[in-house]
Amino acid sequence: MVNGAEARVAMWSIPKYQWSLEWTALHNDVEGSSPRNLELQTMMSFFNDMAGSWDTFYFPDTFTPDYTVAAQFIANGDGTTATFPLIRTLGTSTEPVYVLNNLGSTAPNYGWLQPVVMLNGTPLLGSQWSMTVDPATVTITGGSGTGGAPGIGQTVTATFSYFWRVRLTEDSQSFVEQWPIVWATDGEIKFTSVRPQ
C-alpha cells in the first residue's frame, strides 16, 4: 500500500514454543559398566530414532515449570456433550493441551499430578470420568445430563499434568570431544512444539 498502512495475517491460532538444552558432559566409555558411560551413544541414538526433525516426542517441561494445571476450567455442560478437549489458560488466553501425562499416580516425585475431574467444584469418582492421553480429552459419565454428560450449566474443571508434543528443530547435531571419554553438544539442542494433524 502506498499510504504506509500495514496488512497482517495470523498464520497460527496458537503459538509455537521453543526450548533449547545444552549438555557439557556426555560420557562415552564403552568399557564401563554404568549406563551413564553410554550417554553419547544414547543421545546419538535418540537423534537417529527421531530422524532429525521428522518425528515427534513428548517433553515434560519441568524446568519452567509448565506442565500442570489445577482446577482448570474445561467447559460448561450443555446437557448432551460428554467429551471435552483438555485446555490450559495463560492469563486471558486459552490453548489446547495435546498430550495428557497420566503418570501422576505412578511417579509423583516429579511433581506430576494425579488427574482429578470436578463438576461444580465437587470431585467425581474415578468411575464417573475417563481421560485419553493423545489426544488429551476428558469424558464425563457422572453428570446429570443425557447419558451422564454434564448437565446444562454444570462447570467441568480438572487438575492434571501434561506433556508437550515436540520435534527437534534441526536435522543434525554435532558433538565435540572435550577430553578422553567425555563429549559435549556442539551448541544447543533445540526443539519446537508441534500441533497434531
N, C-alpha and C. Protein backbone atom coordinates (compact mmCIF):
# COMPACT_ATOMS: atom_id res chain seq x y z
N MET A 1 0.84 -1.18 0.00
CA MET A 1 0.00 0.00 0.00
C MET A 1 0.89 1.24 0.00
N VAL A 2 0.52 2.21 -0.75
CA VAL A 2 1.34 3.40 -0.87
C VAL A 2 1.13 4.39 0.27
N ASN A 3 0.07 4.19 1.09
CA ASN A 3 -0.19 5.13 2.16
C ASN A 3 0.52 4.76 3.46
N GLY A 4 1.30 3.68 3.46
CA GLY A 4 2.06 3.30 4.65
C GLY A 4 1.31 2.38 5.60
N ALA A 5 0.04 2.06 5.31
CA ALA A 5 -0.71 1.16 6.17
C ALA A 5 -0.14 -0.25 6.07
N GLU A 6 -0.21 -1.00 7.15
CA GLU A 6 0.29 -2.37 7.17
C GLU A 6 -0.87 -3.34 7.13
N ALA A 7 -0.63 -4.48 6.50
CA ALA A 7 -1.62 -5.57 6.49
C ALA A 7 -0.95 -6.81 7.06
N ARG A 8 -1.60 -7.48 8.01
CA ARG A 8 -1.04 -8.66 8.63
C ARG A 8 -2.05 -9.79 8.59
N VAL A 9 -1.54 -11.01 8.51
CA VAL A 9 -2.38 -12.19 8.53
C VAL A 9 -1.85 -13.12 9.62
N ALA A 10 -2.71 -13.57 10.53
CA ALA A 10 -2.31 -14.51 11.57
C ALA A 10 -2.16 -15.89 10.95
N MET A 11 -0.97 -16.47 11.05
CA MET A 11 -0.70 -17.77 10.45
C MET A 11 -1.05 -18.93 11.40
N TRP A 12 -1.07 -18.66 12.71
CA TRP A 12 -1.35 -19.69 13.69
C TRP A 12 -2.41 -19.19 14.67
N SER A 13 -3.27 -20.10 15.07
CA SER A 13 -4.27 -19.72 16.07
C SER A 13 -3.72 -19.85 17.48
N ILE A 14 -2.65 -20.63 17.65
CA ILE A 14 -1.97 -20.74 18.94
C ILE A 14 -0.47 -20.60 18.69
N PRO A 15 0.29 -20.22 19.71
CA PRO A 15 1.72 -20.01 19.50
C PRO A 15 2.50 -21.32 19.38
N LYS A 16 3.68 -21.21 18.78
CA LYS A 16 4.66 -22.30 18.80
C LYS A 16 5.66 -21.95 19.89
N TYR A 17 6.10 -22.98 20.63
CA TYR A 17 7.07 -22.77 21.68
C TYR A 17 8.38 -23.45 21.31
N GLN A 18 9.48 -22.90 21.80
CA GLN A 18 10.78 -23.49 21.53
C GLN A 18 11.56 -23.63 22.82
N TRP A 19 12.35 -24.70 22.90
CA TRP A 19 13.22 -24.97 24.02
C TRP A 19 14.62 -25.23 23.48
N SER A 20 15.61 -25.04 24.31
CA SER A 20 16.97 -25.41 23.94
C SER A 20 17.69 -25.93 25.18
N LEU A 21 18.45 -26.98 24.98
CA LEU A 21 19.22 -27.61 26.05
C LEU A 21 20.65 -27.78 25.58
N GLU A 22 21.56 -27.75 26.52
CA GLU A 22 22.97 -27.95 26.17
C GLU A 22 23.59 -28.91 27.17
N TRP A 23 24.28 -29.90 26.66
CA TRP A 23 24.97 -30.87 27.50
C TRP A 23 26.46 -30.59 27.42
N THR A 24 27.08 -30.37 28.56
CA THR A 24 28.51 -30.08 28.57
C THR A 24 29.34 -31.32 28.87
N ALA A 25 28.70 -32.41 29.25
CA ALA A 25 29.44 -33.64 29.52
C ALA A 25 28.58 -34.85 29.19
N LEU A 26 28.91 -35.51 28.10
CA LEU A 26 28.28 -36.78 27.71
C LEU A 26 29.36 -37.84 27.72
N HIS A 27 29.19 -38.81 28.60
CA HIS A 27 30.23 -39.82 28.76
C HIS A 27 30.17 -40.84 27.62
N ASN A 28 31.35 -41.31 27.24
CA ASN A 28 31.48 -42.26 26.14
C ASN A 28 32.53 -43.30 26.50
N ASP A 29 32.26 -44.03 27.54
CA ASP A 29 33.19 -45.07 27.99
C ASP A 29 32.55 -46.42 27.74
N VAL A 30 32.76 -46.97 26.56
CA VAL A 30 32.08 -48.21 26.18
C VAL A 30 32.55 -49.39 26.99
N GLU A 31 33.65 -49.25 27.70
CA GLU A 31 34.16 -50.35 28.53
C GLU A 31 33.64 -50.27 29.96
N GLY A 32 33.02 -49.15 30.31
CA GLY A 32 32.50 -49.00 31.67
C GLY A 32 31.20 -49.78 31.85
N SER A 33 30.84 -50.02 33.11
CA SER A 33 29.65 -50.83 33.39
C SER A 33 28.41 -50.00 33.70
N SER A 34 28.56 -48.70 33.93
CA SER A 34 27.43 -47.86 34.28
C SER A 34 26.69 -47.40 33.02
N PRO A 35 25.34 -47.34 33.05
CA PRO A 35 24.59 -46.79 31.91
C PRO A 35 25.01 -45.35 31.60
N ARG A 36 25.48 -44.65 32.61
CA ARG A 36 25.93 -43.27 32.41
C ARG A 36 27.08 -43.22 31.41
N ASN A 37 27.85 -44.29 31.31
CA ASN A 37 29.00 -44.32 30.42
C ASN A 37 28.62 -44.31 28.95
N LEU A 38 27.35 -44.49 28.67
CA LEU A 38 26.88 -44.54 27.28
C LEU A 38 26.01 -43.34 26.92
N GLU A 39 26.19 -42.23 27.59
CA GLU A 39 25.36 -41.04 27.35
C GLU A 39 25.49 -40.54 25.91
N LEU A 40 26.68 -40.52 25.36
CA LEU A 40 26.85 -40.06 24.00
C LEU A 40 26.10 -40.95 23.02
N GLN A 41 26.23 -42.27 23.18
CA GLN A 41 25.53 -43.20 22.29
C GLN A 41 24.02 -43.05 22.43
N THR A 42 23.55 -42.84 23.64
CA THR A 42 22.11 -42.66 23.87
C THR A 42 21.61 -41.42 23.15
N MET A 43 22.36 -40.32 23.24
CA MET A 43 21.94 -39.08 22.59
C MET A 43 21.98 -39.23 21.06
N MET A 44 23.02 -39.85 20.54
CA MET A 44 23.11 -40.03 19.09
C MET A 44 22.00 -40.97 18.59
N SER A 45 21.71 -41.99 19.36
CA SER A 45 20.62 -42.91 19.01
C SER A 45 19.28 -42.19 18.99
N PHE A 46 19.08 -41.29 19.95
CA PHE A 46 17.84 -40.52 20.00
C PHE A 46 17.67 -39.70 18.72
N PHE A 47 18.72 -39.01 18.29
CA PHE A 47 18.65 -38.24 17.05
C PHE A 47 18.32 -39.14 15.86
N ASN A 48 18.95 -40.30 15.82
CA ASN A 48 18.68 -41.23 14.72
C ASN A 48 17.24 -41.74 14.78
N ASP A 49 16.76 -42.08 15.98
CA ASP A 49 15.39 -42.58 16.13
C ASP A 49 14.36 -41.54 15.71
N MET A 50 14.64 -40.28 15.98
CA MET A 50 13.71 -39.20 15.61
C MET A 50 13.83 -38.82 14.14
N ALA A 51 14.84 -39.36 13.46
CA ALA A 51 15.13 -39.00 12.06
C ALA A 51 15.26 -37.48 11.92
N GLY A 52 16.09 -36.92 12.80
CA GLY A 52 16.26 -35.47 12.81
C GLY A 52 14.97 -34.78 13.23
N SER A 53 14.50 -33.85 12.44
CA SER A 53 13.29 -33.09 12.80
C SER A 53 12.00 -33.76 12.33
N TRP A 54 12.08 -34.99 11.82
CA TRP A 54 10.90 -35.62 11.24
C TRP A 54 9.90 -36.10 12.29
N ASP A 55 10.34 -36.86 13.28
CA ASP A 55 9.41 -37.47 14.23
C ASP A 55 9.22 -36.58 15.45
N THR A 56 8.18 -36.88 16.23
CA THR A 56 7.88 -36.10 17.43
C THR A 56 8.07 -36.96 18.67
N PHE A 57 8.20 -36.27 19.81
CA PHE A 57 8.31 -36.95 21.10
C PHE A 57 7.62 -36.09 22.16
N TYR A 58 7.39 -36.68 23.32
CA TYR A 58 6.73 -35.96 24.41
C TYR A 58 7.79 -35.36 25.34
N PHE A 59 7.58 -34.10 25.73
CA PHE A 59 8.53 -33.40 26.58
C PHE A 59 7.80 -32.84 27.79
N PRO A 60 8.21 -33.22 29.01
CA PRO A 60 7.64 -32.61 30.21
C PRO A 60 8.48 -31.39 30.59
N ASP A 61 7.94 -30.21 30.45
CA ASP A 61 8.70 -29.00 30.73
C ASP A 61 8.77 -28.78 32.24
N THR A 62 9.60 -29.58 32.90
CA THR A 62 9.73 -29.48 34.35
C THR A 62 10.69 -28.38 34.75
N PHE A 63 11.28 -27.70 33.78
CA PHE A 63 12.24 -26.64 34.09
C PHE A 63 11.55 -25.32 34.39
N THR A 64 10.40 -25.05 33.73
CA THR A 64 9.80 -23.73 33.85
C THR A 64 9.07 -23.48 35.16
N PRO A 65 8.26 -24.25 35.79
CA PRO A 65 7.62 -25.47 35.30
C PRO A 65 6.30 -25.14 34.60
N ASP A 66 6.12 -25.72 33.45
CA ASP A 66 4.91 -25.52 32.66
C ASP A 66 4.41 -26.88 32.23
N TYR A 67 3.86 -27.61 33.20
CA TYR A 67 3.42 -28.96 32.89
C TYR A 67 2.21 -29.41 33.71
N THR A 68 1.63 -28.52 34.52
CA THR A 68 0.45 -28.89 35.30
C THR A 68 -0.55 -27.74 35.32
N VAL A 69 -1.80 -28.08 35.53
CA VAL A 69 -2.85 -27.10 35.81
C VAL A 69 -3.67 -27.62 36.98
N ALA A 70 -4.20 -26.71 37.78
CA ALA A 70 -5.02 -27.09 38.92
C ALA A 70 -6.38 -26.41 38.81
N ALA A 71 -7.44 -27.20 38.95
CA ALA A 71 -8.82 -26.69 38.85
C ALA A 71 -9.01 -25.86 37.58
N GLN A 72 -8.46 -26.35 36.47
CA GLN A 72 -8.57 -25.68 35.18
C GLN A 72 -9.99 -25.76 34.66
N PHE A 73 -10.57 -24.62 34.32
CA PHE A 73 -11.89 -24.63 33.69
C PHE A 73 -11.78 -25.34 32.35
N ILE A 74 -12.67 -26.31 32.10
CA ILE A 74 -12.67 -27.06 30.84
C ILE A 74 -13.87 -26.65 29.99
N ALA A 75 -15.07 -26.64 30.58
CA ALA A 75 -16.27 -26.30 29.81
C ALA A 75 -17.47 -26.16 30.75
N ASN A 76 -18.53 -25.58 30.21
CA ASN A 76 -19.83 -25.61 30.87
C ASN A 76 -20.69 -26.63 30.15
N GLY A 77 -21.35 -27.48 30.90
CA GLY A 77 -22.17 -28.52 30.31
C GLY A 77 -23.34 -27.97 29.52
N ASP A 78 -23.72 -28.72 28.46
CA ASP A 78 -24.91 -28.35 27.68
C ASP A 78 -25.99 -29.42 27.79
N GLY A 79 -25.75 -30.43 28.62
CA GLY A 79 -26.74 -31.49 28.83
C GLY A 79 -26.55 -32.71 27.95
N THR A 80 -25.78 -32.58 26.87
CA THR A 80 -25.59 -33.72 25.96
C THR A 80 -24.12 -34.02 25.65
N THR A 81 -23.26 -33.02 25.62
CA THR A 81 -21.84 -33.24 25.30
C THR A 81 -21.15 -33.85 26.51
N ALA A 82 -20.48 -34.99 26.29
CA ALA A 82 -19.80 -35.69 27.38
C ALA A 82 -18.29 -35.62 27.29
N THR A 83 -17.74 -35.42 26.08
CA THR A 83 -16.29 -35.43 25.89
C THR A 83 -15.80 -34.03 25.53
N PHE A 84 -14.74 -33.61 26.22
CA PHE A 84 -14.21 -32.27 26.04
C PHE A 84 -12.69 -32.33 25.87
N PRO A 85 -12.13 -31.48 25.01
CA PRO A 85 -10.67 -31.41 24.91
C PRO A 85 -10.09 -30.73 26.15
N LEU A 86 -8.92 -31.18 26.59
CA LEU A 86 -8.26 -30.55 27.72
C LEU A 86 -7.58 -29.26 27.24
N ILE A 87 -7.61 -28.26 28.10
CA ILE A 87 -7.05 -26.95 27.77
C ILE A 87 -6.26 -26.43 28.95
N ARG A 88 -5.52 -25.35 28.72
CA ARG A 88 -4.85 -24.64 29.80
C ARG A 88 -5.02 -23.16 29.54
N THR A 89 -5.07 -22.37 30.60
CA THR A 89 -5.26 -20.94 30.49
C THR A 89 -4.00 -20.23 30.94
N LEU A 90 -3.56 -19.28 30.13
CA LEU A 90 -2.42 -18.41 30.46
C LEU A 90 -2.93 -16.98 30.44
N GLY A 91 -3.11 -16.41 31.59
CA GLY A 91 -3.67 -15.06 31.65
C GLY A 91 -5.07 -15.05 31.06
N THR A 92 -5.25 -14.34 29.96
CA THR A 92 -6.57 -14.27 29.33
C THR A 92 -6.67 -15.16 28.10
N SER A 93 -5.59 -15.87 27.76
CA SER A 93 -5.65 -16.74 26.57
C SER A 93 -5.77 -18.20 26.99
N THR A 94 -6.41 -18.97 26.14
CA THR A 94 -6.59 -20.39 26.39
C THR A 94 -6.09 -21.15 25.17
N GLU A 95 -5.39 -22.25 25.43
CA GLU A 95 -4.89 -23.05 24.33
C GLU A 95 -5.04 -24.53 24.66
N PRO A 96 -5.09 -25.38 23.64
CA PRO A 96 -5.29 -26.80 23.88
C PRO A 96 -4.06 -27.47 24.49
N VAL A 97 -4.33 -28.51 25.24
CA VAL A 97 -3.30 -29.43 25.72
C VAL A 97 -3.43 -30.68 24.87
N TYR A 98 -2.36 -31.07 24.21
CA TYR A 98 -2.47 -32.16 23.24
C TYR A 98 -2.17 -33.53 23.82
N VAL A 99 -1.35 -33.59 24.87
CA VAL A 99 -0.95 -34.89 25.40
C VAL A 99 -1.07 -34.89 26.92
N LEU A 100 -1.91 -35.76 27.45
CA LEU A 100 -2.08 -35.90 28.90
C LEU A 100 -0.93 -36.71 29.47
N ASN A 101 -0.40 -36.26 30.59
CA ASN A 101 0.59 -37.03 31.34
C ASN A 101 -0.16 -37.73 32.46
N ASN A 102 -0.40 -39.02 32.28
CA ASN A 102 -1.17 -39.76 33.28
C ASN A 102 -0.26 -40.53 34.24
N LEU A 103 0.97 -40.07 34.43
CA LEU A 103 1.92 -40.75 35.30
C LEU A 103 1.87 -40.25 36.74
N GLY A 104 0.95 -39.35 37.06
CA GLY A 104 0.90 -38.77 38.40
C GLY A 104 0.73 -39.79 39.51
N SER A 105 0.02 -40.86 39.24
CA SER A 105 -0.19 -41.87 40.29
C SER A 105 1.00 -42.80 40.42
N THR A 106 1.84 -42.89 39.36
CA THR A 106 2.98 -43.81 39.42
C THR A 106 4.31 -43.11 39.65
N ALA A 107 4.40 -41.83 39.36
CA ALA A 107 5.66 -41.10 39.52
C ALA A 107 5.43 -39.70 40.09
N PRO A 108 4.83 -39.60 41.29
CA PRO A 108 4.52 -38.27 41.84
C PRO A 108 5.76 -37.48 42.23
N ASN A 109 6.91 -38.13 42.35
CA ASN A 109 8.12 -37.43 42.75
C ASN A 109 8.55 -36.37 41.76
N TYR A 110 8.11 -36.48 40.52
CA TYR A 110 8.47 -35.49 39.51
C TYR A 110 7.54 -34.28 39.55
N GLY A 111 6.60 -34.25 40.47
CA GLY A 111 5.65 -33.14 40.55
C GLY A 111 4.45 -33.32 39.64
N TRP A 112 4.35 -34.49 39.00
CA TRP A 112 3.21 -34.74 38.14
C TRP A 112 1.99 -35.03 39.00
N LEU A 113 0.87 -34.51 38.58
CA LEU A 113 -0.35 -34.62 39.38
C LEU A 113 -1.22 -35.79 38.92
N GLN A 114 -1.82 -36.45 39.88
CA GLN A 114 -2.82 -37.46 39.54
C GLN A 114 -4.07 -36.72 39.08
N PRO A 115 -4.63 -37.08 37.92
CA PRO A 115 -5.79 -36.34 37.42
C PRO A 115 -6.99 -36.39 38.37
N VAL A 116 -7.66 -35.25 38.48
CA VAL A 116 -8.90 -35.12 39.24
C VAL A 116 -9.87 -34.33 38.36
N VAL A 117 -11.11 -34.81 38.25
CA VAL A 117 -12.13 -34.13 37.45
C VAL A 117 -13.26 -33.72 38.38
N MET A 118 -13.77 -32.50 38.22
CA MET A 118 -14.81 -31.98 39.11
C MET A 118 -15.98 -31.42 38.33
N LEU A 119 -17.15 -31.57 38.90
CA LEU A 119 -18.36 -30.91 38.39
C LEU A 119 -18.81 -29.93 39.45
N ASN A 120 -18.92 -28.67 39.08
CA ASN A 120 -19.29 -27.61 40.02
C ASN A 120 -18.42 -27.63 41.27
N GLY A 121 -17.12 -27.96 41.10
CA GLY A 121 -16.17 -27.94 42.20
C GLY A 121 -16.14 -29.20 43.04
N THR A 122 -17.01 -30.17 42.77
CA THR A 122 -17.05 -31.41 43.54
C THR A 122 -16.33 -32.51 42.75
N PRO A 123 -15.31 -33.13 43.35
CA PRO A 123 -14.59 -34.18 42.63
C PRO A 123 -15.51 -35.36 42.29
N LEU A 124 -15.37 -35.84 41.07
CA LEU A 124 -16.11 -37.02 40.64
C LEU A 124 -15.33 -38.27 41.02
N LEU A 125 -16.05 -39.36 41.20
CA LEU A 125 -15.39 -40.64 41.42
C LEU A 125 -14.67 -41.05 40.14
N GLY A 126 -13.63 -41.86 40.28
CA GLY A 126 -12.89 -42.32 39.13
C GLY A 126 -13.74 -43.06 38.11
N SER A 127 -14.83 -43.66 38.58
CA SER A 127 -15.72 -44.39 37.67
C SER A 127 -16.66 -43.46 36.91
N GLN A 128 -16.66 -42.17 37.23
CA GLN A 128 -17.57 -41.22 36.61
C GLN A 128 -16.92 -40.37 35.52
N TRP A 129 -15.67 -40.67 35.20
CA TRP A 129 -14.98 -39.94 34.15
C TRP A 129 -13.82 -40.78 33.63
N SER A 130 -13.35 -40.43 32.45
CA SER A 130 -12.15 -41.07 31.89
C SER A 130 -11.42 -40.03 31.04
N MET A 131 -10.13 -40.26 30.85
CA MET A 131 -9.32 -39.36 30.04
C MET A 131 -8.58 -40.16 28.99
N THR A 132 -8.37 -39.56 27.83
CA THR A 132 -7.50 -40.16 26.83
C THR A 132 -6.19 -39.37 26.83
N VAL A 133 -5.11 -40.06 26.50
CA VAL A 133 -3.78 -39.45 26.57
C VAL A 133 -3.49 -38.60 25.35
N ASP A 134 -3.74 -39.14 24.16
CA ASP A 134 -3.34 -38.46 22.93
C ASP A 134 -4.34 -38.80 21.83
N PRO A 135 -5.29 -37.91 21.56
CA PRO A 135 -5.40 -36.53 22.02
C PRO A 135 -5.93 -36.46 23.45
N ALA A 136 -5.58 -35.40 24.15
CA ALA A 136 -5.96 -35.24 25.55
C ALA A 136 -7.40 -34.78 25.67
N THR A 137 -8.26 -35.68 26.14
CA THR A 137 -9.68 -35.36 26.34
C THR A 137 -10.15 -35.92 27.68
N VAL A 138 -11.27 -35.41 28.14
CA VAL A 138 -11.93 -35.96 29.32
C VAL A 138 -13.38 -36.26 28.93
N THR A 139 -13.86 -37.42 29.35
CA THR A 139 -15.25 -37.83 29.13
C THR A 139 -15.92 -37.99 30.48
N ILE A 140 -17.05 -37.30 30.65
CA ILE A 140 -17.80 -37.33 31.91
C ILE A 140 -18.97 -38.29 31.76
N THR A 141 -19.12 -39.20 32.73
CA THR A 141 -20.26 -40.12 32.74
C THR A 141 -21.05 -39.99 34.04
N GLY A 142 -20.66 -39.03 34.90
CA GLY A 142 -21.33 -38.88 36.19
C GLY A 142 -22.10 -37.59 36.32
N GLY A 143 -22.48 -36.98 35.20
CA GLY A 143 -23.23 -35.73 35.25
C GLY A 143 -24.73 -35.98 35.25
N SER A 144 -25.50 -34.90 35.28
CA SER A 144 -26.97 -35.02 35.33
C SER A 144 -27.61 -34.91 33.95
N GLY A 145 -26.79 -34.82 32.90
CA GLY A 145 -27.32 -34.71 31.55
C GLY A 145 -27.55 -36.07 30.91
N THR A 146 -27.87 -36.06 29.63
CA THR A 146 -28.15 -37.28 28.87
C THR A 146 -26.95 -38.21 28.91
N GLY A 147 -27.17 -39.46 29.31
CA GLY A 147 -26.12 -40.47 29.36
C GLY A 147 -25.02 -40.16 30.35
N GLY A 148 -25.28 -39.32 31.33
CA GLY A 148 -24.27 -38.98 32.33
C GLY A 148 -23.40 -37.79 31.95
N ALA A 149 -23.71 -37.15 30.82
CA ALA A 149 -22.97 -35.94 30.43
C ALA A 149 -23.23 -34.84 31.45
N PRO A 150 -22.34 -33.86 31.55
CA PRO A 150 -22.61 -32.74 32.45
C PRO A 150 -23.92 -32.05 32.10
N GLY A 151 -24.72 -31.75 33.11
CA GLY A 151 -25.99 -31.09 32.88
C GLY A 151 -25.80 -29.66 32.41
N ILE A 152 -26.89 -29.06 31.95
CA ILE A 152 -26.83 -27.68 31.46
C ILE A 152 -26.32 -26.77 32.58
N GLY A 153 -25.23 -26.05 32.27
CA GLY A 153 -24.66 -25.12 33.23
C GLY A 153 -23.70 -25.73 34.23
N GLN A 154 -23.57 -27.07 34.28
CA GLN A 154 -22.60 -27.67 35.19
C GLN A 154 -21.18 -27.34 34.70
N THR A 155 -20.35 -26.88 35.60
CA THR A 155 -18.99 -26.48 35.24
C THR A 155 -18.04 -27.65 35.40
N VAL A 156 -17.30 -27.94 34.33
CA VAL A 156 -16.30 -29.01 34.34
C VAL A 156 -14.94 -28.37 34.57
N THR A 157 -14.25 -28.81 35.61
CA THR A 157 -12.87 -28.38 35.86
C THR A 157 -12.02 -29.63 36.07
N ALA A 158 -10.71 -29.47 35.91
CA ALA A 158 -9.82 -30.63 36.07
C ALA A 158 -8.45 -30.18 36.53
N THR A 159 -7.80 -31.05 37.26
CA THR A 159 -6.41 -30.90 37.67
C THR A 159 -5.64 -32.03 37.01
N PHE A 160 -4.55 -31.71 36.31
CA PHE A 160 -3.80 -32.74 35.61
C PHE A 160 -2.43 -32.22 35.21
N SER A 161 -1.57 -33.13 34.80
CA SER A 161 -0.27 -32.79 34.23
C SER A 161 -0.29 -33.13 32.75
N TYR A 162 0.59 -32.50 32.00
CA TYR A 162 0.59 -32.73 30.55
C TYR A 162 2.02 -32.72 30.01
N PHE A 163 2.14 -33.28 28.82
CA PHE A 163 3.39 -33.25 28.06
C PHE A 163 3.22 -32.27 26.91
N TRP A 164 4.34 -31.79 26.41
CA TRP A 164 4.38 -31.04 25.16
C TRP A 164 4.76 -32.01 24.05
N ARG A 165 4.05 -31.97 22.93
CA ARG A 165 4.47 -32.73 21.75
C ARG A 165 5.46 -31.84 21.00
N VAL A 166 6.68 -32.33 20.82
CA VAL A 166 7.74 -31.52 20.22
C VAL A 166 8.49 -32.31 19.16
N ARG A 167 9.28 -31.60 18.36
CA ARG A 167 10.19 -32.21 17.40
C ARG A 167 11.50 -31.46 17.47
N LEU A 168 12.58 -32.14 17.09
CA LEU A 168 13.87 -31.48 17.02
C LEU A 168 13.80 -30.39 15.95
N THR A 169 14.41 -29.26 16.19
CA THR A 169 14.37 -28.16 15.24
C THR A 169 15.31 -28.40 14.07
N GLU A 170 16.43 -29.06 14.33
CA GLU A 170 17.44 -29.29 13.31
C GLU A 170 17.47 -30.76 12.91
N ASP A 171 17.96 -31.01 11.70
CA ASP A 171 18.10 -32.39 11.22
C ASP A 171 19.42 -33.02 11.63
N SER A 172 20.33 -32.23 12.14
CA SER A 172 21.63 -32.78 12.53
C SER A 172 22.09 -32.13 13.83
N GLN A 173 23.02 -32.81 14.48
CA GLN A 173 23.59 -32.29 15.72
C GLN A 173 25.05 -32.72 15.79
N SER A 174 25.92 -31.80 16.09
CA SER A 174 27.34 -32.11 16.22
C SER A 174 27.71 -32.30 17.68
N PHE A 175 28.69 -33.16 17.90
CA PHE A 175 29.22 -33.40 19.23
C PHE A 175 30.72 -33.21 19.18
N VAL A 176 31.29 -32.66 20.23
CA VAL A 176 32.74 -32.42 20.27
C VAL A 176 33.33 -33.14 21.47
N GLU A 177 34.53 -33.68 21.26
CA GLU A 177 35.22 -34.38 22.34
C GLU A 177 35.91 -33.35 23.23
N GLN A 178 35.55 -33.35 24.51
CA GLN A 178 36.14 -32.41 25.47
C GLN A 178 37.48 -32.93 25.98
N TRP A 179 37.51 -34.19 26.35
CA TRP A 179 38.71 -34.91 26.76
C TRP A 179 38.38 -36.38 26.66
N PRO A 180 39.33 -37.27 26.83
CA PRO A 180 39.04 -38.70 26.61
C PRO A 180 37.80 -39.15 27.36
N ILE A 181 36.93 -39.81 26.67
CA ILE A 181 35.64 -40.39 27.07
C ILE A 181 34.57 -39.37 27.45
N VAL A 182 34.81 -38.09 27.33
CA VAL A 182 33.79 -37.08 27.66
C VAL A 182 33.58 -36.18 26.45
N TRP A 183 32.32 -36.10 26.00
CA TRP A 183 31.93 -35.30 24.85
C TRP A 183 30.91 -34.25 25.29
N ALA A 184 30.61 -33.32 24.40
CA ALA A 184 29.60 -32.29 24.67
C ALA A 184 28.85 -32.01 23.37
N THR A 185 27.66 -31.43 23.51
CA THR A 185 26.95 -30.99 22.31
C THR A 185 27.66 -29.77 21.76
N ASP A 186 27.75 -29.68 20.47
CA ASP A 186 28.34 -28.52 19.81
C ASP A 186 27.23 -27.50 19.60
N GLY A 187 26.98 -26.70 20.61
CA GLY A 187 25.85 -25.78 20.60
C GLY A 187 24.65 -26.40 21.30
N GLU A 188 23.53 -25.75 21.22
CA GLU A 188 22.32 -26.20 21.92
C GLU A 188 21.53 -27.19 21.08
N ILE A 189 20.83 -28.08 21.76
CA ILE A 189 19.87 -28.95 21.10
C ILE A 189 18.52 -28.25 21.22
N LYS A 190 17.91 -27.93 20.08
CA LYS A 190 16.68 -27.15 20.07
C LYS A 190 15.51 -28.01 19.62
N PHE A 191 14.36 -27.77 20.23
CA PHE A 191 13.15 -28.42 19.78
C PHE A 191 11.96 -27.48 19.88
N THR A 192 10.92 -27.77 19.09
CA THR A 192 9.78 -26.89 18.87
C THR A 192 8.48 -27.63 19.12
N SER A 193 7.51 -26.95 19.68
CA SER A 193 6.18 -27.58 19.89
C SER A 193 5.51 -27.84 18.56
N VAL A 194 4.70 -28.89 18.53
CA VAL A 194 4.04 -29.34 17.30
C VAL A 194 2.57 -29.56 17.58
N ARG A 195 1.73 -29.07 16.70
CA ARG A 195 0.30 -29.37 16.78
C ARG A 195 0.03 -30.68 16.09
N PRO A 196 -0.91 -31.48 16.59
CA PRO A 196 -1.25 -32.72 15.88
C PRO A 196 -1.94 -32.41 14.54
N GLN A 197 -1.88 -33.36 13.63
CA GLN A 197 -2.51 -33.18 12.32
C GLN A 197 -4.02 -33.25 12.45
